[in-house]
Amino acid sequence: MDFLSIFAIGMKQKLIIFAYWCIMVLLTAVMLCSLSYTFREACLLSTLLLPGAMVVKFLLPKILLQPVRTRIRQLLLLVLTALIIELLLIFVGHGILLSIRHEAYYMYDEFPEPFISDMMVNPVFLTILLVLFSGGDYILNGFLKSHLQQAPQSITFTSDRKPVTLLQSEILYVESNDTEVWIHSLDGQKYRNKTPISQWENMLGVDFLRIHRSYLVNRSHMAGADADTLTLTDGQSLPVSRKYREQLKFKR
């Protein structure tokens, strides 16, 4: 796949996702107009739903990879965090709207009544909106991933003071060794880096699985596992710690 094809696929995906979020904001604004808001006010309030929805969007995929018990606990915590963020933003937004209304009515010696809708501070209503925003995005991303040819993901880092760029599919596993990290590639090369393995876990995303405090493994190169050991496709064996054993069993 050439560079232009990769760029076109990436841009197409981003535009579709951006259009989805714009449509969701507009549809939510239309719905909020039924709660006595003007369309401009409703657009502002629907836009204020984006921060909480984005929190859910970026954390939900990682939570869904966890074992069932951990997943339920983290999902509840995620929803609670998103609700707190949204309630704070909604109260701030209503304060701004109320001041605007006061200015609009000032010349007529009239002052608007408090107009915050009970629905806008209803946790169930807000949760439904957040699920619609982020859940739809999650489903759409899955659809695009399966129907559009994916551009290979690459990562650039510094090794021995030299820039190195590897496709994520070329990384076999990442090993933490005291104050440094070793990136092991499929061709047998090892690259030394100072970035902590926890940051590598965030950078590489859900295609890599943590099996030990010292090992982060590419899922596509996992051949098999038992209680204490993971075997890679090249025949290497890596230790599995008790902390990550349940997650490994869940994903096999």
C-alpha atoms as a PDB file:
ATOM      1  CA  MET A   1       0.000   0.000   0.000  1.00  0.00           C
ATOM      2  CA  ASP A   2       1.538   3.342  -1.044  1.00  0.00           C
ATOM      3  CA  PHE A   3       1.669   6.504   1.053  1.00  0.00           C
ATOM      4  CA  LEU A   4      -1.220   8.238  -0.748  1.00  0.00           C
ATOM      5  CA  SER A   5      -3.496   5.240  -0.219  1.00  0.00           C
ATOM      6  CA  ILE A   6      -2.614   5.093   3.460  1.00  0.00           C
ATOM      7  CA  PHE A   7      -3.221   8.837   3.814  1.00  0.00           C
ATOM      8  CA  ALA A   8      -6.567   8.639   1.980  1.00  0.00           C
ATOM      9  CA  ILE A   9      -7.827   5.782   4.160  1.00  0.00           C
ATOM     10  CA  GLY A  10      -6.826   7.595   7.342  1.00  0.00           C
ATOM     11  CA  MET A  11      -8.477  10.836   6.243  1.00  0.00           C
ATOM     12  CA  LYS A  12     -11.659   9.036   5.195  1.00  0.00           C
ATOM     13  CA  GLN A  13     -11.963   7.391   8.591  1.00  0.00           C
ATOM     14  CA  LYS A  14     -11.350  10.657  10.442  1.00  0.00           C
ATOM     15  CA  LEU A  15     -13.917  12.521   8.333  1.00  0.00           C
ATOM     16  CA  ILE A  16     -16.567   9.852   8.910  1.00  0.00           C
ATOM     17  CA  ILE A  17     -15.961   9.904  12.664  1.00  0.00           C
ATOM     18  CA  PHE A  18     -15.985  13.730  12.726  1.00  0.00           C
ATOM     19  CA  ALA A  19     -19.269  13.774  10.764  1.00  0.00           C
ATOM     20  CA  TYR A  20     -20.778  11.289  13.229  1.00  0.00           C
ATOM     21  CA  TRP A  21     -19.993  13.502  16.219  1.00  0.00           C
ATOM     22  CA  CYS A  22     -21.337  16.609  14.451  1.00  0.00           C
ATOM     23  CA  ILE A  23     -24.576  14.803  13.614  1.00  0.00           C
ATOM     24  CA  MET A  24     -24.935  13.576  17.211  1.00  0.00           C
ATOM     25  CA  VAL A  25     -24.460  17.116  18.550  1.00  0.00           C
ATOM     26  CA  LEU A  26     -27.106  18.488  16.168  1.00  0.00           C
ATOM     27  CA  LEU A  27     -29.593  15.696  16.885  1.00  0.00           C
ATOM     28  CA  THR A  28     -29.141  16.179  20.620  1.00  0.00           C
ATOM     29  CA  ALA A  29     -29.620  19.933  20.216  1.00  0.00           C
ATOM     30  CA  VAL A  30     -32.895  19.361  18.345  1.00  0.00           C
ATOM     31  CA  MET A  31     -34.066  17.092  21.156  1.00  0.00           C
ATOM     32  CA  LEU A  32     -33.091  19.643  23.830  1.00  0.00           C
ATOM     33  CA  CYS A  33     -35.196  22.279  22.077  1.00  0.00           C
ATOM     34  CA  SER A  34     -38.212  20.416  23.460  1.00  0.00           C
ATOM     35  CA  LEU A  35     -37.002  21.289  26.976  1.00  0.00           C
ATOM     36  CA  SER A  36     -37.663  25.035  26.501  1.00  0.00           C
ATOM     37  CA  TYR A  37     -34.195  25.894  25.205  1.00  0.00           C
ATOM     38  CA  THR A  38     -33.596  27.920  22.076  1.00  0.00           C
ATOM     39  CA  PHE A  39     -31.688  26.125  19.321  1.00  0.00           C
ATOM     40  CA  ARG A  40     -28.543  28.161  20.045  1.00  0.00           C
ATOM     41  CA  GLU A  41     -28.730  27.302  23.746  1.00  0.00           C
ATOM     42  CA  ALA A  42     -29.396  23.657  22.935  1.00  0.00           C
ATOM     43  CA  CYS A  43     -26.338  23.565  20.646  1.00  0.00           C
ATOM     44  CA  LEU A  44     -24.160  24.883  23.463  1.00  0.00           C
ATOM     45  CA  LEU A  45     -25.488  22.330  25.947  1.00  0.00           C
ATOM     46  CA  SER A  46     -25.148  19.426  23.514  1.00  0.00           C
ATOM     47  CA  THR A  47     -21.558  20.493  22.815  1.00  0.00           C
ATOM     48  CA  LEU A  48     -20.883  20.380  26.563  1.00  0.00           C
ATOM     49  CA  LEU A  49     -21.646  16.664  26.436  1.00  0.00           C
ATOM     50  CA  LEU A  50     -18.534  16.052  24.342  1.00  0.00           C
ATOM     51  CA  PRO A  51     -15.886  16.055  27.134  1.00  0.00           C
ATOM     52  CA  GLY A  52     -17.662  13.320  29.115  1.00  0.00           C
ATOM     53  CA  ALA A  53     -18.367  11.345  25.953  1.00  0.00           C
ATOM     54  CA  MET A  54     -14.696  11.613  24.932  1.00  0.00           C
ATOM     55  CA  VAL A  55     -13.602  10.269  28.316  1.00  0.00           C
ATOM     56  CA  VAL A  56     -15.847   7.250  27.749  1.00  0.00           C
ATOM     57  CA  LYS A  57     -14.683   6.918  24.124  1.00  0.00           C
ATOM     58  CA  PHE A  58     -10.992   6.638  24.957  1.00  0.00           C
ATOM     59  CA  LEU A  59     -11.273   4.513  28.113  1.00  0.00           C
ATOM     60  CA  LEU A  60     -14.064   2.134  27.084  1.00  0.00           C
ATOM     61  CA  PRO A  61     -12.001  -0.028  24.649  1.00  0.00           C
ATOM     62  CA  LYS A  62      -9.339  -0.692  27.297  1.00  0.00           C
ATOM     63  CA  ILE A  63     -11.949  -1.500  29.952  1.00  0.00           C
ATOM     64  CA  LEU A  64     -13.703  -3.994  27.653  1.00  0.00           C
ATOM     65  CA  LEU A  65     -10.440  -5.951  27.434  1.00  0.00           C
ATOM     66  CA  GLN A  66     -10.368  -6.553  31.180  1.00  0.00           C
ATOM     67  CA  PRO A  67     -11.699  -9.665  32.992  1.00  0.00           C
ATOM     68  CA  VAL A  68     -15.415  -9.596  33.770  1.00  0.00           C
ATOM     69  CA  ARG A  69     -15.182  -8.554  37.440  1.00  0.00           C
ATOM     70  CA  THR A  70     -12.625  -5.858  36.766  1.00  0.00           C
ATOM     71  CA  ARG A  71     -14.590  -4.700  33.739  1.00  0.00           C
ATOM     72  CA  ILE A  72     -17.833  -4.154  35.675  1.00  0.00           C
ATOM     73  CA  ARG A  73     -16.079  -2.219  38.430  1.00  0.00           C
ATOM     74  CA  GLN A  74     -14.200  -0.010  35.999  1.00  0.00           C
ATOM     75  CA  LEU A  75     -17.308   0.599  33.871  1.00  0.00           C
ATOM     76  CA  LEU A  76     -19.200   1.868  36.919  1.00  0.00           C
ATOM     77  CA  LEU A  77     -16.279   4.102  37.849  1.00  0.00           C
ATOM     78  CA  LEU A  78     -16.058   5.389  34.274  1.00  0.00           C
ATOM     79  CA  VAL A  79     -19.775   6.264  34.140  1.00  0.00           C
ATOM     80  CA  LEU A  80     -19.570   8.008  37.530  1.00  0.00           C
ATOM     81  CA  THR A  81     -16.545  10.054  36.434  1.00  0.00           C
ATOM     82  CA  ALA A  82     -18.196  11.060  33.154  1.00  0.00           C
ATOM     83  CA  LEU A  83     -21.403  12.066  34.993  1.00  0.00           C
ATOM     84  CA  ILE A  84     -19.514  14.265  37.446  1.00  0.00           C
ATOM     85  CA  ILE A  85     -17.702  15.982  34.577  1.00  0.00           C
ATOM     86  CA  GLU A  86     -20.962  16.564  32.714  1.00  0.00           C
ATOM     87  CA  LEU A  87     -22.892  17.855  35.727  1.00  0.00           C
ATOM     88  CA  LEU A  88     -20.173  20.399  36.435  1.00  0.00           C
ATOM     89  CA  LEU A  89     -20.102  21.513  32.800  1.00  0.00           C
ATOM     90  CA  ILE A  90     -23.895  21.730  32.585  1.00  0.00           C
ATOM     91  CA  PHE A  91     -24.128  23.939  35.664  1.00  0.00           C
ATOM     92  CA  VAL A  92     -21.392  26.189  34.270  1.00  0.00           C
ATOM     93  CA  GLY A  93     -23.133  26.255  30.896  1.00  0.00           C
ATOM     94  CA  HIS A  94     -26.457  27.195  32.453  1.00  0.00           C
ATOM     95  CA  GLY A  95     -24.764  29.965  34.392  1.00  0.00           C
ATOM     96  CA  ILE A  96     -23.452  31.386  31.124  1.00  0.00           C
ATOM     97  CA  LEU A  97     -26.836  31.061  29.427  1.00  0.00           C
ATOM     98  CA  LEU A  98     -28.614  32.706  32.353  1.00  0.00           C
ATOM     99  CA  SER A  99     -26.280  35.707  32.220  1.00  0.00           C
ATOM    100  CA  ILE A 100     -26.914  35.997  28.468  1.00  0.00           C
ATOM    101  CA  ARG A 101     -30.660  35.927  29.051  1.00  0.00           C
ATOM    102  CA  HIS A 102     -30.360  38.608  31.726  1.00  0.00           C
ATOM    103  CA  GLU A 103     -28.538  40.860  29.277  1.00  0.00           C
ATOM    104  CA  ALA A 104     -31.118  40.169  26.567  1.00  0.00           C
ATOM    105  CA  TYR A 105     -34.042  41.054  28.842  1.00  0.00           C
ATOM    106  CA  TYR A 106     -32.358  43.957  30.633  1.00  0.00           C
ATOM    107  CA  MET A 107     -33.587  46.654  28.222  1.00  0.00           C
ATOM    108  CA  TYR A 108     -37.164  45.520  28.863  1.00  0.00           C
ATOM    109  CA  ASP A 109     -36.816  45.588  32.667  1.00  0.00           C
ATOM    110  CA  GLU A 110     -37.592  41.908  32.713  1.00  0.00           C
ATOM    111  CA  PHE A 111     -35.540  39.065  34.088  1.00  0.00           C
ATOM    112  CA  PRO A 112     -35.813  35.451  33.020  1.00  0.00           C
ATOM    113  CA  GLU A 113     -36.841  32.791  35.429  1.00  0.00           C
ATOM    114  CA  PRO A 114     -34.344  30.043  36.274  1.00  0.00           C
ATOM    115  CA  PHE A 115     -34.641  27.688  33.336  1.00  0.00           C
ATOM    116  CA  ILE A 116     -32.419  24.678  34.015  1.00  0.00           C
ATOM    117  CA  SER A 117     -34.362  21.596  33.021  1.00  0.00           C
ATOM    118  CA  ASP A 118     -34.673  18.706  35.453  1.00  0.00           C
ATOM    119  CA  MET A 119     -33.764  16.372  32.589  1.00  0.00           C
ATOM    120  CA  MET A 120     -30.366  18.028  32.184  1.00  0.00           C
ATOM    121  CA  VAL A 121     -29.370  17.071  35.742  1.00  0.00           C
ATOM    122  CA  ASN A 122     -30.972  13.641  35.628  1.00  0.00           C
ATOM    123  CA  PRO A 123     -28.155  11.024  35.896  1.00  0.00           C
ATOM    124  CA  VAL A 124     -30.119   8.432  33.916  1.00  0.00           C
ATOM    125  CA  PHE A 125     -30.815  10.875  31.067  1.00  0.00           C
ATOM    126  CA  LEU A 126     -27.185  11.994  30.961  1.00  0.00           C
ATOM    127  CA  THR A 127     -25.946   8.405  31.035  1.00  0.00           C
ATOM    128  CA  ILE A 128     -28.179   7.525  28.080  1.00  0.00           C
ATOM    129  CA  LEU A 129     -26.811  10.487  26.104  1.00  0.00           C
ATOM    130  CA  LEU A 130     -23.197   9.574  26.909  1.00  0.00           C
ATOM    131  CA  VAL A 131     -23.822   5.948  25.901  1.00  0.00           C
ATOM    132  CA  LEU A 132     -25.388   7.065  22.621  1.00  0.00           C
ATOM    133  CA  PHE A 133     -22.440   9.355  21.842  1.00  0.00           C
ATOM    134  CA  SER A 134     -19.564   7.044  22.778  1.00  0.00           C
ATOM    135  CA  GLY A 135     -21.317   3.716  22.097  1.00  0.00           C
ATOM    136  CA  GLY A 136     -22.185   4.789  18.565  1.00  0.00           C
ATOM    137  CA  ASP A 137     -18.588   5.884  18.024  1.00  0.00           C
ATOM    138  CA  TYR A 138     -17.312   2.514  19.267  1.00  0.00           C
ATOM    139  CA  ILE A 139     -19.631   0.607  16.906  1.00  0.00           C
ATOM    140  CA  LEU A 140     -18.786   2.891  13.979  1.00  0.00           C
ATOM    141  CA  ASN A 141     -15.052   2.469  14.554  1.00  0.00           C
ATOM    142  CA  GLY A 142     -15.486  -1.289  14.594  1.00  0.00           C
ATOM    143  CA  PHE A 143     -17.455  -1.157  11.345  1.00  0.00           C
ATOM    144  CA  LEU A 144     -14.840   1.033   9.651  1.00  0.00           C
ATOM    145  CA  LYS A 145     -12.041  -1.179  10.872  1.00  0.00           C
ATOM    146  CA  SER A 146     -13.652  -4.252   9.320  1.00  0.00           C
ATOM    147  CA  HIS A 147     -14.762  -2.619   6.053  1.00  0.00           C
ATOM    148  CA  LEU A 148     -11.889  -0.294   5.242  1.00  0.00           C
ATOM    149  CA  GLN A 149      -8.401  -1.526   4.510  1.00  0.00           C
ATOM    150  CA  GLN A 150      -6.355  -0.396   7.469  1.00  0.00           C
ATOM    151  CA  ALA A 151      -3.198   1.645   7.124  1.00  0.00           C
ATOM    152  CA  PRO A 152      -0.310   0.015   8.966  1.00  0.00           C
ATOM    153  CA  GLN A 153       0.408   1.744  12.269  1.00  0.00           C
ATOM    154  CA  SER A 154       3.976   2.842  12.895  1.00  0.00           C
ATOM    155  CA  ILE A 155       5.741   4.246  15.926  1.00  0.00           C
ATOM    156  CA  THR A 156       8.900   6.361  16.125  1.00  0.00           C
ATOM    157  CA  PHE A 157      11.230   6.386  19.122  1.00  0.00           C
ATOM    158  CA  THR A 158      14.863   7.065  20.007  1.00  0.00           C
ATOM    159  CA  SER A 159      17.344   4.245  20.479  1.00  0.00           C
ATOM    160  CA  ASP A 160      20.990   4.971  21.298  1.00  0.00           C
ATOM    161  CA  ARG A 161      20.411   8.613  20.275  1.00  0.00           C
ATOM    162  CA  LYS A 162      19.111   7.625  16.841  1.00  0.00           C
ATOM    163  CA  PRO A 163      15.498   7.851  15.613  1.00  0.00           C
ATOM    164  CA  VAL A 164      13.920   4.481  14.830  1.00  0.00           C
ATOM    165  CA  THR A 165      10.570   3.888  13.100  1.00  0.00           C
ATOM    166  CA  LEU A 166       8.894   0.484  13.256  1.00  0.00           C
ATOM    167  CA  LEU A 167       5.504  -0.798  12.237  1.00  0.00           C
ATOM    168  CA  GLN A 168       3.639  -1.953  15.321  1.00  0.00           C
ATOM    169  CA  SER A 169       3.148  -5.308  13.615  1.00  0.00           C
ATOM    170  CA  GLU A 170       6.969  -5.668  13.507  1.00  0.00           C
ATOM    171  CA  ILE A 171       7.299  -5.373  17.290  1.00  0.00           C
ATOM    172  CA  LEU A 172       7.350  -8.785  18.953  1.00  0.00           C
ATOM    173  CA  TYR A 173       7.410  -7.628  22.575  1.00  0.00           C
ATOM    174  CA  VAL A 174       8.676  -4.879  24.859  1.00  0.00           C
ATOM    175  CA  GLU A 175      10.879  -5.774  27.807  1.00  0.00           C
ATOM    176  CA  SER A 176      11.552  -3.583  30.845  1.00  0.00           C
ATOM    177  CA  ASN A 177      15.059  -3.963  32.232  1.00  0.00           C
ATOM    178  CA  ASP A 178      15.764  -1.761  35.278  1.00  0.00           C
ATOM    179  CA  THR A 179      16.024   1.848  34.020  1.00  0.00           C
ATOM    180  CA  GLU A 180      15.647   1.063  30.329  1.00  0.00           C
ATOM    181  CA  VAL A 181      13.352  -0.768  27.949  1.00  0.00           C
ATOM    182  CA  TRP A 182      14.229  -3.127  25.097  1.00  0.00           C
ATOM    183  CA  ILE A 183      12.003  -3.312  22.020  1.00  0.00           C
ATOM    184  CA  HIS A 184      12.295  -6.739  20.389  1.00  0.00           C
ATOM    185  CA  SER A 185      11.408  -6.863  16.682  1.00  0.00           C
ATOM    186  CA  LEU A 186      10.410  -9.789  14.490  1.00  0.00           C
ATOM    187  CA  ASP A 187      13.740  -9.780  12.666  1.00  0.00           C
ATOM    188  CA  GLY A 188      15.617 -10.381  15.927  1.00  0.00           C
ATOM    189  CA  GLN A 189      16.777  -6.783  16.438  1.00  0.00           C
ATOM    190  CA  LYS A 190      16.713  -5.172  19.876  1.00  0.00           C
ATOM    191  CA  TYR A 191      16.338  -1.424  20.394  1.00  0.00           C
ATOM    192  CA  ARG A 192      17.173   0.265  23.685  1.00  0.00           C
ATOM    193  CA  ASN A 193      14.908   3.065  24.899  1.00  0.00           C
ATOM    194  CA  LYS A 194      14.408   5.075  28.111  1.00  0.00           C
ATOM    195  CA  THR A 195      10.590   5.373  27.974  1.00  0.00           C
ATOM    196  CA  PRO A 196       8.933   3.374  30.814  1.00  0.00           C
ATOM    197  CA  ILE A 197       7.010   0.270  29.815  1.00  0.00           C
ATOM    198  CA  SER A 198       3.774   1.773  31.199  1.00  0.00           C
ATOM    199  CA  GLN A 199       4.032   4.546  28.605  1.00  0.00           C
ATOM    200  CA  TRP A 200       4.770   1.987  25.886  1.00  0.00           C
ATOM    201  CA  GLU A 201       1.576   0.203  26.918  1.00  0.00           C
ATOM    202  CA  ASN A 202      -0.399   3.405  26.350  1.00  0.00           C
ATOM    203  CA  MET A 203       1.337   4.206  23.059  1.00  0.00           C
ATOM    204  CA  LEU A 204       0.914   0.748  21.524  1.00  0.00           C
ATOM    205  CA  GLY A 205      -2.726   0.415  22.571  1.00  0.00           C
ATOM    206  CA  VAL A 206      -5.011  -2.590  22.673  1.00  0.00           C
ATOM    207  CA  ASP A 207      -3.034  -4.667  20.159  1.00  0.00           C
ATOM    208  CA  PHE A 208      -0.472  -5.338  22.891  1.00  0.00           C
ATOM    209  CA  LEU A 209      -1.065  -7.241  26.122  1.00  0.00           C
ATOM    210  CA  ARG A 210       0.731  -6.795  29.444  1.00  0.00           C
ATOM    211  CA  ILE A 211       1.632 -10.227  30.845  1.00  0.00           C
ATOM    212  CA  HIS A 212       4.204  -9.193  33.461  1.00  0.00           C
ATOM    213  CA  ARG A 213       5.483  -5.987  34.992  1.00  0.00           C
ATOM    214  CA  SER A 214       8.479  -6.427  32.652  1.00  0.00           C
ATOM    215  CA  TYR A 215       6.789  -7.685  29.461  1.00  0.00           C
ATOM    216  CA  LEU A 216       4.348  -6.219  26.960  1.00  0.00           C
ATOM    217  CA  VAL A 217       3.513  -8.609  24.084  1.00  0.00           C
ATOM    218  CA  ASN A 218       2.065  -8.187  20.602  1.00  0.00           C
ATOM    219  CA  ARG A 219      -1.234 -10.124  20.620  1.00  0.00           C
ATOM    220  CA  SER A 220      -0.835 -11.261  17.019  1.00  0.00           C
ATOM    221  CA  HIS A 221       2.415 -13.066  17.906  1.00  0.00           C
ATOM    222  CA  MET A 222       1.083 -15.053  20.870  1.00  0.00           C
ATOM    223  CA  ALA A 223       1.177 -18.792  20.088  1.00  0.00           C
ATOM    224  CA  GLY A 224      -0.039 -20.280  23.372  1.00  0.00           C
ATOM    225  CA  ALA A 225       0.071 -20.025  27.138  1.00  0.00           C
ATOM    226  CA  ASP A 226      -0.104 -22.078  30.320  1.00  0.00           C
ATOM    227  CA  ALA A 227      -0.374 -20.977  33.943  1.00  0.00           C
ATOM    228  CA  ASP A 228       3.043 -19.341  34.147  1.00  0.00           C
ATOM    229  CA  THR A 229       4.423 -19.051  30.614  1.00  0.00           C
ATOM    230  CA  LEU A 230       3.486 -17.439  27.311  1.00  0.00           C
ATOM    231  CA  THR A 231       4.898 -18.878  24.086  1.00  0.00           C
ATOM    232  CA  LEU A 232       5.488 -16.576  21.127  1.00  0.00           C
ATOM    233  CA  THR A 233       5.274 -17.459  17.450  1.00  0.00           C
ATOM    234  CA  ASP A 234       9.071 -17.459  17.163  1.00  0.00           C
ATOM    235  CA  GLY A 235       9.342 -20.071  19.920  1.00  0.00           C
ATOM    236  CA  GLN A 236      10.402 -17.778  22.751  1.00  0.00           C
ATOM    237  CA  SER A 237       8.813 -18.228  26.169  1.00  0.00           C
ATOM    238  CA  LEU A 238       8.058 -15.347  28.514  1.00  0.00           C
ATOM    239  CA  PRO A 239       6.942 -15.485  32.165  1.00  0.00           C
ATOM    240  CA  VAL A 240       3.354 -14.620  33.095  1.00  0.00           C
ATOM    241  CA  SER A 241       2.870 -12.993  36.502  1.00  0.00           C
ATOM    242  CA  ARG A 242      -0.061 -13.734  38.801  1.00  0.00           C
ATOM    243  CA  LYS A 243      -1.366 -10.178  38.455  1.00  0.00           C
ATOM    244  CA  TYR A 244      -1.919 -10.559  34.693  1.00  0.00           C
ATOM    245  CA  ARG A 245      -2.732 -14.279  34.571  1.00  0.00           C
ATOM    246  CA  GLU A 246      -6.514 -13.862  34.717  1.00  0.00           C
ATOM    247  CA  GLN A 247      -6.451 -11.283  31.908  1.00  0.00           C
ATOM    248  CA  LEU A 248      -4.360 -13.610  29.745  1.00  0.00           C
ATOM    249  CA  LYS A 249      -6.781 -16.485  30.272  1.00  0.00           C
ATOM    250  CA  PHE A 250      -9.690 -14.216  29.468  1.00  0.00           C
ATOM    251  CA  LYS A 251      -8.190 -13.200  26.115  1.00  0.00           C
ATOM    252  CA  ARG A 252      -7.061 -16.639  24.897  1.00  0.00           C
END
